[in-house]
């Protein structure tokens, strides 16, 4: 029986990807790069060092930390009022809390972005027993490190955790951690997600049911 549910943030709780992509395009232009929106797709879910750095390298420029700092400055200016929680997110989080499950957020993004985004979608960090960000681990998704760190922080065995993810790298990380994984088609279709091996795929967070998470259905 699942004792903890760990949520990825971007693409699961909210869709901040258009705003961070917009900020990344604007920020990288200041470094002489003119990225195309599709350049970022291969790096979704891997953290901003890879998201920004991978595109910089595609365009023949070495990644430097100043690129991420500038992108985050632009993101923080633009995110208020621009992102909303996906339908069903608040209901699911509060239902799981009522059931007494341990909850965590595990995002490859840096803490500055995670905190700003959770605030924008009205999900207080206090709702979660742990909020893990990219700075917490050396190896980003698809490495299992961040999910294993979340389980340790919650004091729950990885086998008793279920992850909700939207990206191939995240699904692979969850399965490598030995956790159940529900994939949602909020960023990628089932045909893309399925080869990564999620336990089930649902069209959205609103469509996720207790049994998908390894929980008993309500009587």
N, C-alpha and C. Protein backbone atom coordinates (compact mmCIF):
# COMPACT_ATOMS: atom_id res chain seq x y z
N UNK A 1 0.85 -1.19 0.00
CA UNK A 1 0.00 0.00 0.00
C UNK A 1 0.88 1.25 0.00
N UNK A 2 0.56 2.18 -0.84
CA UNK A 2 1.32 3.42 -0.91
C UNK A 2 1.17 4.22 0.37
N UNK A 3 2.30 4.73 0.88
CA UNK A 3 2.30 5.55 2.09
C UNK A 3 2.70 7.00 1.81
N UNK A 4 3.25 7.24 0.62
CA UNK A 4 3.69 8.60 0.27
C UNK A 4 3.49 8.82 -1.22
N UNK A 5 3.12 10.03 -1.58
CA UNK A 5 2.99 10.43 -2.98
C UNK A 5 3.92 11.60 -3.23
N UNK A 6 4.73 11.45 -4.25
CA UNK A 6 5.72 12.47 -4.59
C UNK A 6 5.34 13.06 -5.95
N UNK A 7 5.17 14.38 -5.98
CA UNK A 7 4.77 15.06 -7.20
C UNK A 7 5.96 15.76 -7.84
N UNK A 8 6.14 15.56 -9.13
CA UNK A 8 6.94 16.51 -9.90
C UNK A 8 6.13 17.81 -9.92
N UNK A 9 6.77 18.93 -10.25
CA UNK A 9 6.04 20.19 -10.26
C UNK A 9 5.61 20.60 -11.67
N UNK A 10 6.59 20.94 -12.49
CA UNK A 10 6.28 21.44 -13.83
C UNK A 10 5.69 20.33 -14.69
N UNK A 11 4.51 20.59 -15.24
CA UNK A 11 3.85 19.60 -16.07
C UNK A 11 2.94 18.68 -15.29
N UNK A 12 3.03 18.71 -13.95
CA UNK A 12 2.17 17.88 -13.10
C UNK A 12 1.24 18.75 -12.27
N UNK A 13 1.82 19.63 -11.46
CA UNK A 13 1.00 20.53 -10.66
C UNK A 13 0.55 21.75 -11.45
N UNK A 14 1.37 22.18 -12.38
CA UNK A 14 1.09 23.38 -13.17
C UNK A 14 1.87 23.32 -14.47
N UNK A 15 1.51 24.18 -15.39
CA UNK A 15 2.24 24.27 -16.65
C UNK A 15 2.98 25.60 -16.68
N UNK A 16 4.15 25.61 -16.05
CA UNK A 16 4.98 26.82 -16.11
C UNK A 16 5.95 26.76 -17.28
N UNK A 17 5.93 25.64 -18.03
CA UNK A 17 6.90 25.47 -19.11
C UNK A 17 6.82 26.58 -20.15
N UNK A 18 5.63 27.05 -20.57
CA UNK A 18 5.62 28.15 -21.54
C UNK A 18 6.30 29.42 -21.02
N UNK A 19 6.16 29.68 -19.70
CA UNK A 19 6.77 30.88 -19.14
C UNK A 19 8.28 30.73 -19.02
N UNK A 20 8.75 29.55 -18.55
CA UNK A 20 10.20 29.37 -18.44
C UNK A 20 10.83 29.30 -19.83
N UNK A 21 10.11 28.74 -20.81
CA UNK A 21 10.64 28.71 -22.17
C UNK A 21 10.73 30.13 -22.73
N UNK A 22 9.70 30.91 -22.50
CA UNK A 22 9.70 32.31 -22.93
C UNK A 22 10.86 33.07 -22.28
N UNK A 23 11.07 32.82 -20.98
CA UNK A 23 12.17 33.48 -20.27
C UNK A 23 13.52 33.01 -20.79
N UNK A 24 13.62 31.71 -21.08
CA UNK A 24 14.88 31.17 -21.59
C UNK A 24 15.22 31.73 -22.96
N UNK A 25 14.22 31.85 -23.81
CA UNK A 25 14.46 32.43 -25.14
C UNK A 25 14.93 33.87 -24.99
N UNK A 26 14.24 34.63 -24.15
CA UNK A 26 14.63 36.04 -23.96
C UNK A 26 16.02 36.15 -23.33
N UNK A 27 16.29 35.30 -22.33
CA UNK A 27 17.57 35.37 -21.66
C UNK A 27 18.72 34.96 -22.55
N UNK A 28 18.54 33.87 -23.32
CA UNK A 28 19.61 33.40 -24.18
C UNK A 28 19.90 34.37 -25.32
N UNK A 29 18.88 35.09 -25.74
CA UNK A 29 19.12 36.10 -26.77
C UNK A 29 20.11 37.16 -26.30
N UNK A 30 20.12 37.43 -25.00
CA UNK A 30 21.08 38.40 -24.47
C UNK A 30 22.51 37.88 -24.52
N UNK A 31 22.66 36.57 -24.73
CA UNK A 31 23.98 35.97 -24.86
C UNK A 31 24.31 35.64 -26.33
N UNK A 32 23.50 36.18 -27.24
CA UNK A 32 23.79 36.02 -28.65
C UNK A 32 23.23 34.76 -29.29
N UNK A 33 22.27 34.12 -28.62
CA UNK A 33 21.65 32.89 -29.13
C UNK A 33 20.21 33.19 -29.53
N UNK A 34 19.76 32.63 -30.63
CA UNK A 34 18.37 32.80 -31.07
C UNK A 34 17.70 31.42 -31.12
N UNK A 35 17.33 30.87 -29.94
CA UNK A 35 16.77 29.52 -29.92
C UNK A 35 15.36 29.47 -30.48
N UNK A 36 15.01 28.30 -31.00
CA UNK A 36 13.64 28.03 -31.44
C UNK A 36 12.90 27.35 -30.29
N UNK A 37 11.60 27.54 -30.15
CA UNK A 37 10.86 26.89 -29.05
C UNK A 37 11.05 25.38 -29.00
N UNK A 38 11.13 24.74 -30.15
CA UNK A 38 11.25 23.28 -30.17
C UNK A 38 12.62 22.79 -29.70
N UNK A 39 13.60 23.67 -29.64
CA UNK A 39 14.94 23.28 -29.17
C UNK A 39 14.92 22.78 -27.74
N UNK A 40 13.94 23.20 -26.95
CA UNK A 40 13.92 22.89 -25.52
C UNK A 40 13.29 21.54 -25.20
N UNK A 41 12.57 20.95 -26.15
CA UNK A 41 11.74 19.77 -25.86
C UNK A 41 12.56 18.60 -25.32
N UNK A 42 13.76 18.37 -25.84
CA UNK A 42 14.56 17.23 -25.42
C UNK A 42 15.06 17.36 -23.99
N UNK A 43 14.98 18.56 -23.41
CA UNK A 43 15.56 18.80 -22.10
C UNK A 43 14.52 19.04 -21.01
N UNK A 44 13.24 18.85 -21.34
CA UNK A 44 12.17 19.03 -20.36
C UNK A 44 12.33 18.04 -19.21
N UNK A 45 12.22 18.54 -17.99
CA UNK A 45 12.27 17.69 -16.81
C UNK A 45 13.66 17.42 -16.27
N UNK A 46 14.69 17.99 -16.88
CA UNK A 46 16.07 17.70 -16.49
C UNK A 46 16.70 18.81 -15.66
N UNK A 47 15.94 19.81 -15.30
CA UNK A 47 16.50 20.93 -14.54
C UNK A 47 16.99 22.03 -15.47
N UNK A 48 17.03 23.24 -14.94
CA UNK A 48 17.35 24.39 -15.80
C UNK A 48 18.80 24.42 -16.30
N UNK A 49 19.73 23.83 -15.56
CA UNK A 49 21.10 23.79 -16.08
C UNK A 49 21.12 23.06 -17.42
N UNK A 50 20.39 21.96 -17.48
CA UNK A 50 20.35 21.19 -18.73
C UNK A 50 19.38 21.81 -19.73
N UNK A 51 18.26 22.32 -19.23
CA UNK A 51 17.24 22.93 -20.09
C UNK A 51 17.82 24.12 -20.85
N UNK A 52 18.53 24.98 -20.13
CA UNK A 52 19.13 26.16 -20.74
C UNK A 52 20.46 25.81 -21.39
N UNK A 53 21.27 25.03 -20.67
CA UNK A 53 22.59 24.69 -21.18
C UNK A 53 22.56 23.81 -22.41
N UNK A 54 21.61 22.89 -22.46
CA UNK A 54 21.51 22.03 -23.63
C UNK A 54 21.22 22.82 -24.89
N UNK A 55 20.34 23.80 -24.77
CA UNK A 55 19.99 24.63 -25.93
C UNK A 55 21.17 25.53 -26.30
N UNK A 56 21.86 26.07 -25.31
CA UNK A 56 23.05 26.88 -25.60
C UNK A 56 24.05 26.05 -26.40
N UNK A 57 24.27 24.81 -25.98
CA UNK A 57 25.23 23.95 -26.67
C UNK A 57 24.76 23.59 -28.07
N UNK A 58 23.44 23.42 -28.23
CA UNK A 58 22.92 23.16 -29.58
C UNK A 58 23.29 24.29 -30.54
N UNK A 59 23.38 25.49 -29.99
CA UNK A 59 23.69 26.65 -30.82
C UNK A 59 25.18 27.02 -30.76
N UNK A 60 25.99 26.08 -30.27
CA UNK A 60 27.44 26.25 -30.34
C UNK A 60 28.05 27.15 -29.29
N UNK A 61 27.32 27.38 -28.19
CA UNK A 61 27.85 28.26 -27.15
C UNK A 61 27.97 27.48 -25.85
N UNK A 62 29.07 27.63 -25.15
CA UNK A 62 29.25 26.96 -23.87
C UNK A 62 28.31 27.55 -22.83
N UNK A 63 27.74 26.68 -22.00
CA UNK A 63 26.83 27.13 -20.94
C UNK A 63 27.62 27.75 -19.80
N UNK A 64 27.13 28.87 -19.30
CA UNK A 64 27.71 29.51 -18.12
C UNK A 64 26.57 29.82 -17.14
N UNK A 65 26.82 29.76 -15.83
CA UNK A 65 25.76 29.97 -14.84
C UNK A 65 25.03 31.31 -14.98
N UNK A 66 25.69 32.31 -15.53
CA UNK A 66 25.03 33.62 -15.71
C UNK A 66 23.80 33.51 -16.60
N UNK A 67 23.80 32.53 -17.50
CA UNK A 67 22.62 32.34 -18.37
C UNK A 67 21.40 31.98 -17.52
N UNK A 68 21.58 31.03 -16.59
CA UNK A 68 20.46 30.62 -15.75
C UNK A 68 20.02 31.76 -14.84
N UNK A 69 20.98 32.49 -14.28
CA UNK A 69 20.61 33.61 -13.41
C UNK A 69 19.74 34.60 -14.15
N UNK A 70 20.10 34.91 -15.37
CA UNK A 70 19.31 35.88 -16.15
C UNK A 70 17.94 35.32 -16.51
N UNK A 71 17.89 34.06 -16.87
CA UNK A 71 16.60 33.44 -17.21
C UNK A 71 15.68 33.46 -16.00
N UNK A 72 16.19 33.15 -14.82
CA UNK A 72 15.36 33.17 -13.62
C UNK A 72 14.89 34.59 -13.29
N UNK A 73 15.73 35.58 -13.50
CA UNK A 73 15.30 36.96 -13.28
C UNK A 73 14.09 37.28 -14.14
N UNK A 74 14.14 36.88 -15.40
CA UNK A 74 13.02 37.14 -16.31
C UNK A 74 11.80 36.33 -15.89
N UNK A 75 12.02 35.07 -15.51
CA UNK A 75 10.91 34.21 -15.10
C UNK A 75 10.18 34.80 -13.89
N UNK A 76 10.93 35.24 -12.88
CA UNK A 76 10.30 35.78 -11.68
C UNK A 76 9.51 37.04 -11.96
N UNK A 77 9.93 37.80 -12.96
CA UNK A 77 9.19 39.00 -13.35
C UNK A 77 7.86 38.63 -14.02
N UNK A 78 7.85 37.51 -14.75
CA UNK A 78 6.70 37.18 -15.60
C UNK A 78 5.73 36.17 -15.01
N UNK A 79 6.16 35.39 -14.00
CA UNK A 79 5.31 34.29 -13.55
C UNK A 79 4.06 34.73 -12.79
N UNK A 80 4.06 35.81 -11.98
CA UNK A 80 2.82 36.15 -11.25
C UNK A 80 1.64 36.35 -12.20
N UNK A 81 0.57 35.64 -11.93
CA UNK A 81 -0.63 35.75 -12.75
C UNK A 81 -0.59 34.99 -14.05
N UNK A 82 0.54 34.35 -14.35
CA UNK A 82 0.68 33.66 -15.63
C UNK A 82 0.50 32.15 -15.52
N UNK A 83 0.58 31.60 -14.33
CA UNK A 83 0.44 30.15 -14.19
C UNK A 83 -0.68 29.83 -13.20
N UNK A 84 -1.32 28.71 -13.40
CA UNK A 84 -2.40 28.24 -12.55
C UNK A 84 -2.17 26.74 -12.30
N UNK A 85 -2.66 26.26 -11.17
CA UNK A 85 -2.64 24.82 -10.93
C UNK A 85 -3.54 24.14 -11.94
N UNK A 86 -3.15 22.97 -12.38
CA UNK A 86 -4.00 22.19 -13.28
C UNK A 86 -5.29 21.81 -12.56
N UNK A 87 -6.39 21.67 -13.30
CA UNK A 87 -7.64 21.21 -12.68
C UNK A 87 -7.41 19.89 -11.94
N UNK A 88 -7.97 19.80 -10.76
CA UNK A 88 -7.87 18.58 -9.97
C UNK A 88 -6.70 18.53 -9.02
N UNK A 89 -5.72 19.43 -9.18
CA UNK A 89 -4.51 19.37 -8.35
C UNK A 89 -4.84 19.64 -6.89
N UNK A 90 -5.53 20.73 -6.61
CA UNK A 90 -5.83 21.05 -5.21
C UNK A 90 -6.70 19.97 -4.58
N UNK A 91 -7.67 19.46 -5.31
CA UNK A 91 -8.53 18.41 -4.77
C UNK A 91 -7.71 17.17 -4.42
N UNK A 92 -6.79 16.78 -5.31
CA UNK A 92 -6.00 15.58 -5.07
C UNK A 92 -5.07 15.76 -3.88
N UNK A 93 -4.38 16.88 -3.81
CA UNK A 93 -3.46 17.13 -2.70
C UNK A 93 -4.20 17.10 -1.37
N UNK A 94 -5.33 17.77 -1.30
CA UNK A 94 -6.05 17.83 -0.03
C UNK A 94 -6.70 16.49 0.32
N UNK A 95 -7.12 15.72 -0.68
CA UNK A 95 -7.66 14.39 -0.41
C UNK A 95 -6.58 13.48 0.15
N UNK A 96 -5.38 13.54 -0.42
CA UNK A 96 -4.29 12.70 0.07
C UNK A 96 -3.89 13.08 1.49
N UNK A 97 -3.92 14.38 1.78
CA UNK A 97 -3.62 14.82 3.15
C UNK A 97 -4.68 14.29 4.12
N UNK A 98 -5.93 14.32 3.71
CA UNK A 98 -6.99 13.80 4.59
C UNK A 98 -6.81 12.31 4.86
N UNK A 99 -6.27 11.61 3.88
CA UNK A 99 -6.03 10.17 4.04
C UNK A 99 -4.81 9.89 4.92
N UNK A 100 -4.05 10.92 5.23
CA UNK A 100 -2.89 10.75 6.10
C UNK A 100 -1.62 10.35 5.38
N UNK A 101 -1.58 10.51 4.05
CA UNK A 101 -0.37 10.16 3.32
C UNK A 101 0.69 11.24 3.47
N UNK A 102 1.94 10.83 3.42
CA UNK A 102 3.04 11.78 3.35
C UNK A 102 3.13 12.29 1.91
N UNK A 103 3.39 13.59 1.75
CA UNK A 103 3.44 14.21 0.42
C UNK A 103 4.76 14.94 0.24
N UNK A 104 5.22 14.96 -1.00
CA UNK A 104 6.44 15.70 -1.31
C UNK A 104 6.34 16.25 -2.72
N UNK A 105 7.11 17.31 -2.97
CA UNK A 105 7.36 17.82 -4.31
C UNK A 105 8.83 17.54 -4.60
N UNK A 106 9.11 17.00 -5.78
CA UNK A 106 10.49 16.73 -6.18
C UNK A 106 10.68 17.25 -7.59
N UNK A 107 11.29 18.41 -7.70
CA UNK A 107 11.46 19.08 -8.98
C UNK A 107 12.94 19.29 -9.27
N UNK A 108 13.32 19.10 -10.53
CA UNK A 108 14.70 19.34 -10.94
C UNK A 108 15.03 20.82 -11.02
N UNK A 109 14.02 21.68 -10.95
CA UNK A 109 14.24 23.12 -10.98
C UNK A 109 14.91 23.59 -9.70
N UNK A 110 15.51 24.78 -9.74
CA UNK A 110 16.14 25.35 -8.55
C UNK A 110 15.06 25.85 -7.58
N UNK A 111 15.44 25.97 -6.30
CA UNK A 111 14.48 26.35 -5.27
C UNK A 111 13.81 27.69 -5.56
N UNK A 112 14.56 28.65 -6.11
CA UNK A 112 13.98 29.97 -6.37
C UNK A 112 12.79 29.86 -7.32
N UNK A 113 12.89 28.96 -8.30
CA UNK A 113 11.78 28.77 -9.24
C UNK A 113 10.65 27.97 -8.60
N UNK A 114 11.00 26.93 -7.87
CA UNK A 114 9.98 26.08 -7.25
C UNK A 114 9.13 26.89 -6.28
N UNK A 115 9.77 27.66 -5.42
CA UNK A 115 9.01 28.44 -4.43
C UNK A 115 8.13 29.49 -5.10
N UNK A 116 8.65 30.16 -6.12
CA UNK A 116 7.85 31.17 -6.83
C UNK A 116 6.66 30.53 -7.52
N UNK A 117 6.85 29.34 -8.08
CA UNK A 117 5.77 28.68 -8.82
C UNK A 117 4.71 28.14 -7.87
N UNK A 118 5.13 27.51 -6.77
CA UNK A 118 4.14 27.01 -5.79
C UNK A 118 3.31 28.16 -5.23
N UNK A 119 3.94 29.30 -4.98
CA UNK A 119 3.20 30.47 -4.50
C UNK A 119 2.20 30.93 -5.54
N UNK A 120 2.60 30.94 -6.81
CA UNK A 120 1.72 31.42 -7.88
C UNK A 120 0.50 30.53 -8.05
N UNK A 121 0.62 29.23 -7.74
CA UNK A 121 -0.51 28.31 -7.91
C UNK A 121 -1.22 28.02 -6.60
N UNK A 122 -0.88 28.78 -5.55
CA UNK A 122 -1.56 28.69 -4.26
C UNK A 122 -1.44 27.30 -3.64
N UNK A 123 -0.22 26.75 -3.68
CA UNK A 123 0.08 25.51 -2.97
C UNK A 123 1.23 25.82 -2.01
N UNK A 124 0.91 26.02 -0.76
CA UNK A 124 1.93 26.38 0.22
C UNK A 124 2.87 25.21 0.44
N UNK A 125 4.19 25.48 0.53
CA UNK A 125 5.13 24.39 0.82
C UNK A 125 4.78 23.62 2.09
N UNK A 126 4.08 24.26 3.03
CA UNK A 126 3.70 23.59 4.27
C UNK A 126 2.73 22.43 4.05
N UNK A 127 2.11 22.36 2.88
CA UNK A 127 1.23 21.23 2.56
C UNK A 127 2.02 19.94 2.37
N UNK A 128 3.32 20.06 2.16
CA UNK A 128 4.15 18.91 1.82
C UNK A 128 5.17 18.65 2.92
N UNK A 129 5.40 17.37 3.17
CA UNK A 129 6.38 17.01 4.17
C UNK A 129 7.80 17.28 3.72
N UNK A 130 7.99 17.41 2.41
CA UNK A 130 9.32 17.71 1.86
C UNK A 130 9.14 18.38 0.51
N UNK A 131 10.00 19.36 0.24
CA UNK A 131 10.08 19.99 -1.09
C UNK A 131 11.54 19.88 -1.52
N UNK A 132 11.81 18.99 -2.46
CA UNK A 132 13.15 18.76 -2.95
C UNK A 132 13.34 19.48 -4.28
N UNK A 133 14.47 20.14 -4.43
CA UNK A 133 14.76 20.90 -5.65
C UNK A 133 16.08 20.44 -6.25
N UNK A 134 16.40 21.01 -7.39
CA UNK A 134 17.59 20.56 -8.11
C UNK A 134 18.88 20.67 -7.34
N UNK A 135 18.96 21.64 -6.43
CA UNK A 135 20.19 21.81 -5.65
C UNK A 135 20.42 20.68 -4.66
N UNK A 136 19.37 19.89 -4.39
CA UNK A 136 19.46 18.86 -3.34
C UNK A 136 20.25 17.63 -3.79
N UNK A 137 20.46 17.47 -5.09
CA UNK A 137 21.11 16.25 -5.60
C UNK A 137 22.15 16.60 -6.65
N UNK A 138 23.11 15.72 -6.78
CA UNK A 138 24.14 15.93 -7.79
C UNK A 138 23.67 15.52 -9.17
N UNK A 139 22.92 14.42 -9.22
CA UNK A 139 22.49 13.87 -10.50
C UNK A 139 20.99 14.11 -10.69
N UNK A 140 20.62 14.78 -11.76
CA UNK A 140 19.23 15.10 -12.05
C UNK A 140 18.53 13.91 -12.73
N UNK A 141 17.22 14.01 -12.85
CA UNK A 141 16.45 13.01 -13.58
C UNK A 141 17.04 12.88 -15.00
N UNK A 142 17.16 11.68 -15.54
CA UNK A 142 16.53 10.40 -15.14
C UNK A 142 17.23 9.62 -14.04
N UNK A 143 18.23 10.19 -13.39
CA UNK A 143 18.77 9.56 -12.20
C UNK A 143 17.69 9.53 -11.12
N UNK A 144 17.64 8.50 -10.29
CA UNK A 144 16.61 8.41 -9.25
C UNK A 144 16.90 9.25 -8.02
N UNK A 145 18.01 9.98 -7.99
CA UNK A 145 18.50 10.61 -6.76
C UNK A 145 17.46 11.47 -6.05
N UNK A 146 16.75 12.32 -6.81
CA UNK A 146 15.84 13.26 -6.16
C UNK A 146 14.66 12.55 -5.51
N UNK A 147 14.18 11.47 -6.14
CA UNK A 147 13.06 10.73 -5.54
C UNK A 147 13.52 9.94 -4.33
N UNK A 148 14.71 9.39 -4.37
CA UNK A 148 15.25 8.68 -3.21
C UNK A 148 15.48 9.66 -2.05
N UNK A 149 15.95 10.87 -2.38
CA UNK A 149 16.14 11.89 -1.34
C UNK A 149 14.81 12.29 -0.72
N UNK A 150 13.75 12.38 -1.54
CA UNK A 150 12.43 12.71 -1.02
C UNK A 150 11.93 11.63 -0.07
N UNK A 151 12.14 10.37 -0.45
CA UNK A 151 11.71 9.27 0.41
C UNK A 151 12.45 9.31 1.75
N UNK A 152 13.76 9.58 1.70
CA UNK A 152 14.52 9.67 2.95
C UNK A 152 14.01 10.81 3.81
N UNK A 153 13.72 11.95 3.19
CA UNK A 153 13.24 13.11 3.94
C UNK A 153 11.89 12.80 4.61
N UNK A 154 11.06 12.03 3.92
CA UNK A 154 9.75 11.67 4.47
C UNK A 154 9.84 10.51 5.46
N UNK A 155 10.94 9.77 5.43
CA UNK A 155 11.06 8.60 6.28
C UNK A 155 10.23 7.43 5.80
N UNK A 156 10.06 7.32 4.48
CA UNK A 156 9.24 6.26 3.87
C UNK A 156 10.12 5.42 2.95
N UNK A 157 9.93 4.11 2.99
CA UNK A 157 10.66 3.23 2.08
C UNK A 157 10.29 3.55 0.64
N UNK A 158 11.26 3.58 -0.29
CA UNK A 158 10.94 3.88 -1.69
C UNK A 158 9.86 2.97 -2.27
N UNK A 159 9.83 1.72 -1.85
CA UNK A 159 8.83 0.80 -2.38
C UNK A 159 7.41 1.18 -1.97
N UNK A 160 7.27 2.03 -0.96
CA UNK A 160 5.96 2.47 -0.49
C UNK A 160 5.61 3.87 -1.00
N UNK A 161 6.37 4.35 -1.98
CA UNK A 161 6.13 5.67 -2.56
C UNK A 161 5.57 5.55 -3.97
N UNK A 162 4.75 6.51 -4.34
CA UNK A 162 4.24 6.63 -5.70
C UNK A 162 4.56 8.01 -6.22
N UNK A 163 5.08 8.08 -7.42
CA UNK A 163 5.45 9.34 -8.06
C UNK A 163 4.42 9.68 -9.13
N UNK A 164 4.09 10.97 -9.23
CA UNK A 164 3.26 11.46 -10.33
C UNK A 164 4.15 12.31 -11.21
N UNK A 165 4.29 11.91 -12.47
CA UNK A 165 5.24 12.54 -13.39
C UNK A 165 4.58 12.81 -14.75
N UNK A 166 5.23 13.69 -15.50
CA UNK A 166 4.71 14.02 -16.83
C UNK A 166 5.73 13.83 -17.93
N UNK A 167 7.01 13.59 -17.58
CA UNK A 167 8.07 13.53 -18.57
C UNK A 167 8.78 12.19 -18.52
N UNK A 168 9.34 11.81 -19.66
CA UNK A 168 10.03 10.53 -19.76
C UNK A 168 11.16 10.44 -18.75
N UNK A 169 11.95 11.51 -18.61
CA UNK A 169 13.07 11.48 -17.68
C UNK A 169 12.60 11.26 -16.25
N UNK A 170 11.46 11.84 -15.89
CA UNK A 170 10.92 11.67 -14.56
C UNK A 170 10.38 10.27 -14.31
N UNK A 171 9.70 9.70 -15.31
CA UNK A 171 9.20 8.33 -15.17
C UNK A 171 10.37 7.37 -14.99
N UNK A 172 11.40 7.55 -15.80
CA UNK A 172 12.56 6.68 -15.68
C UNK A 172 13.21 6.81 -14.31
N UNK A 173 13.27 8.03 -13.79
CA UNK A 173 13.85 8.25 -12.47
C UNK A 173 13.03 7.55 -11.39
N UNK A 174 11.71 7.66 -11.48
CA UNK A 174 10.84 7.02 -10.48
C UNK A 174 11.00 5.51 -10.49
N UNK A 175 11.03 4.92 -11.68
CA UNK A 175 11.16 3.47 -11.76
C UNK A 175 12.54 3.01 -11.31
N UNK A 176 13.57 3.81 -11.61
CA UNK A 176 14.92 3.47 -11.15
C UNK A 176 15.01 3.54 -9.63
N UNK A 177 14.16 4.38 -9.02
CA UNK A 177 14.11 4.48 -7.56
C UNK A 177 13.32 3.34 -6.92
N UNK A 178 12.70 2.49 -7.73
CA UNK A 178 11.90 1.39 -7.21
C UNK A 178 10.53 1.81 -6.75
N UNK A 179 10.02 2.91 -7.32
CA UNK A 179 8.74 3.46 -6.91
C UNK A 179 7.66 3.21 -7.96
N UNK A 180 6.43 3.15 -7.50
CA UNK A 180 5.29 3.17 -8.42
C UNK A 180 5.27 4.52 -9.12
N UNK A 181 4.78 4.55 -10.35
CA UNK A 181 4.74 5.83 -11.07
C UNK A 181 3.48 5.93 -11.92
N UNK A 182 2.77 7.04 -11.71
CA UNK A 182 1.63 7.40 -12.56
C UNK A 182 2.09 8.53 -13.47
N UNK A 183 1.96 8.31 -14.76
CA UNK A 183 2.32 9.34 -15.74
C UNK A 183 1.05 10.03 -16.22
N UNK A 184 1.12 11.35 -16.37
CA UNK A 184 -0.01 12.11 -16.88
C UNK A 184 0.37 12.75 -18.21
N UNK A 185 -0.61 12.76 -19.13
CA UNK A 185 -0.36 13.26 -20.49
C UNK A 185 -0.55 14.78 -20.56
N UNK A 186 0.02 15.50 -19.64
CA UNK A 186 -0.14 16.96 -19.64
C UNK A 186 0.98 17.66 -20.38
N UNK A 187 2.05 16.92 -20.70
CA UNK A 187 3.15 17.47 -21.49
C UNK A 187 3.45 16.63 -22.72
N UNK A 188 3.31 15.30 -22.57
CA UNK A 188 3.64 14.38 -23.65
C UNK A 188 2.53 13.33 -23.77
N UNK A 189 2.29 12.82 -24.97
CA UNK A 189 1.25 11.79 -25.14
C UNK A 189 1.70 10.44 -24.63
N UNK A 190 0.72 9.56 -24.48
CA UNK A 190 0.99 8.22 -23.95
C UNK A 190 2.03 7.48 -24.78
N UNK A 191 2.02 7.68 -26.08
CA UNK A 191 2.96 6.97 -26.95
C UNK A 191 4.41 7.32 -26.62
N UNK A 192 4.64 8.53 -26.12
CA UNK A 192 5.98 8.95 -25.73
C UNK A 192 6.32 8.44 -24.33
N UNK A 193 5.34 8.47 -23.43
CA UNK A 193 5.56 8.10 -22.03
C UNK A 193 5.66 6.60 -21.81
N UNK A 194 4.90 5.82 -22.55
CA UNK A 194 4.78 4.39 -22.29
C UNK A 194 6.11 3.64 -22.30
N UNK A 195 7.02 3.91 -23.24
CA UNK A 195 8.28 3.14 -23.24
C UNK A 195 9.12 3.33 -21.98
N UNK A 196 8.88 4.40 -21.23
CA UNK A 196 9.63 4.62 -19.99
C UNK A 196 9.15 3.71 -18.87
N UNK A 197 7.99 3.07 -19.04
CA UNK A 197 7.53 2.06 -18.10
C UNK A 197 6.72 2.51 -16.91
N UNK A 198 5.86 3.56 -17.03
CA UNK A 198 5.01 3.92 -15.88
C UNK A 198 4.03 2.79 -15.58
N UNK A 199 3.56 2.76 -14.32
CA UNK A 199 2.59 1.74 -13.94
C UNK A 199 1.23 1.99 -14.57
N UNK A 200 0.89 3.26 -14.79
CA UNK A 200 -0.30 3.60 -15.54
C UNK A 200 -0.15 5.00 -16.11
N UNK A 201 -0.95 5.30 -17.10
CA UNK A 201 -0.94 6.61 -17.75
C UNK A 201 -2.36 7.14 -17.73
N UNK A 202 -2.50 8.38 -17.30
CA UNK A 202 -3.80 9.04 -17.29
C UNK A 202 -3.70 10.35 -18.08
N UNK A 203 -4.81 10.81 -18.64
CA UNK A 203 -4.75 12.02 -19.46
C UNK A 203 -4.42 13.28 -18.68
N UNK A 204 -4.71 13.28 -17.38
CA UNK A 204 -4.50 14.49 -16.58
C UNK A 204 -4.48 14.12 -15.10
N UNK A 205 -4.06 15.06 -14.27
CA UNK A 205 -4.12 14.86 -12.82
C UNK A 205 -5.57 14.66 -12.38
N UNK A 206 -6.49 15.39 -13.00
CA UNK A 206 -7.89 15.27 -12.63
C UNK A 206 -8.43 13.86 -12.86
N UNK A 207 -7.79 13.11 -13.76
CA UNK A 207 -8.25 11.75 -14.08
C UNK A 207 -7.59 10.69 -13.20
N UNK A 208 -6.65 11.06 -12.35
CA UNK A 208 -5.96 10.09 -11.49
C UNK A 208 -6.89 9.64 -10.38
N UNK A 209 -6.97 8.34 -10.19
CA UNK A 209 -7.83 7.75 -9.18
C UNK A 209 -6.98 7.13 -8.07
N UNK A 210 -7.55 6.93 -6.87
CA UNK A 210 -6.77 6.34 -5.78
C UNK A 210 -6.07 5.03 -6.15
N UNK A 211 -6.78 4.17 -6.89
CA UNK A 211 -6.17 2.88 -7.27
C UNK A 211 -4.94 3.08 -8.13
N UNK A 212 -4.90 4.12 -8.94
CA UNK A 212 -3.73 4.40 -9.77
C UNK A 212 -2.50 4.65 -8.90
N UNK A 213 -2.74 5.27 -7.74
CA UNK A 213 -1.66 5.61 -6.83
C UNK A 213 -1.31 4.47 -5.87
N UNK A 214 -2.02 3.36 -6.00
CA UNK A 214 -1.78 2.25 -5.09
C UNK A 214 -2.55 2.37 -3.79
N UNK A 215 -3.69 3.08 -3.85
CA UNK A 215 -4.51 3.30 -2.67
C UNK A 215 -5.86 2.60 -2.83
N UNK A 216 -6.53 2.36 -1.71
CA UNK A 216 -7.88 1.81 -1.76
C UNK A 216 -8.84 2.86 -2.25
N UNK A 217 -9.80 2.44 -3.07
CA UNK A 217 -10.86 3.36 -3.50
C UNK A 217 -11.77 3.65 -2.31
N UNK A 218 -12.34 4.89 -2.27
CA UNK A 218 -13.26 5.17 -1.16
C UNK A 218 -14.46 4.23 -1.17
N UNK A 219 -14.95 3.91 0.01
CA UNK A 219 -16.09 3.00 0.13
C UNK A 219 -17.33 3.64 -0.45
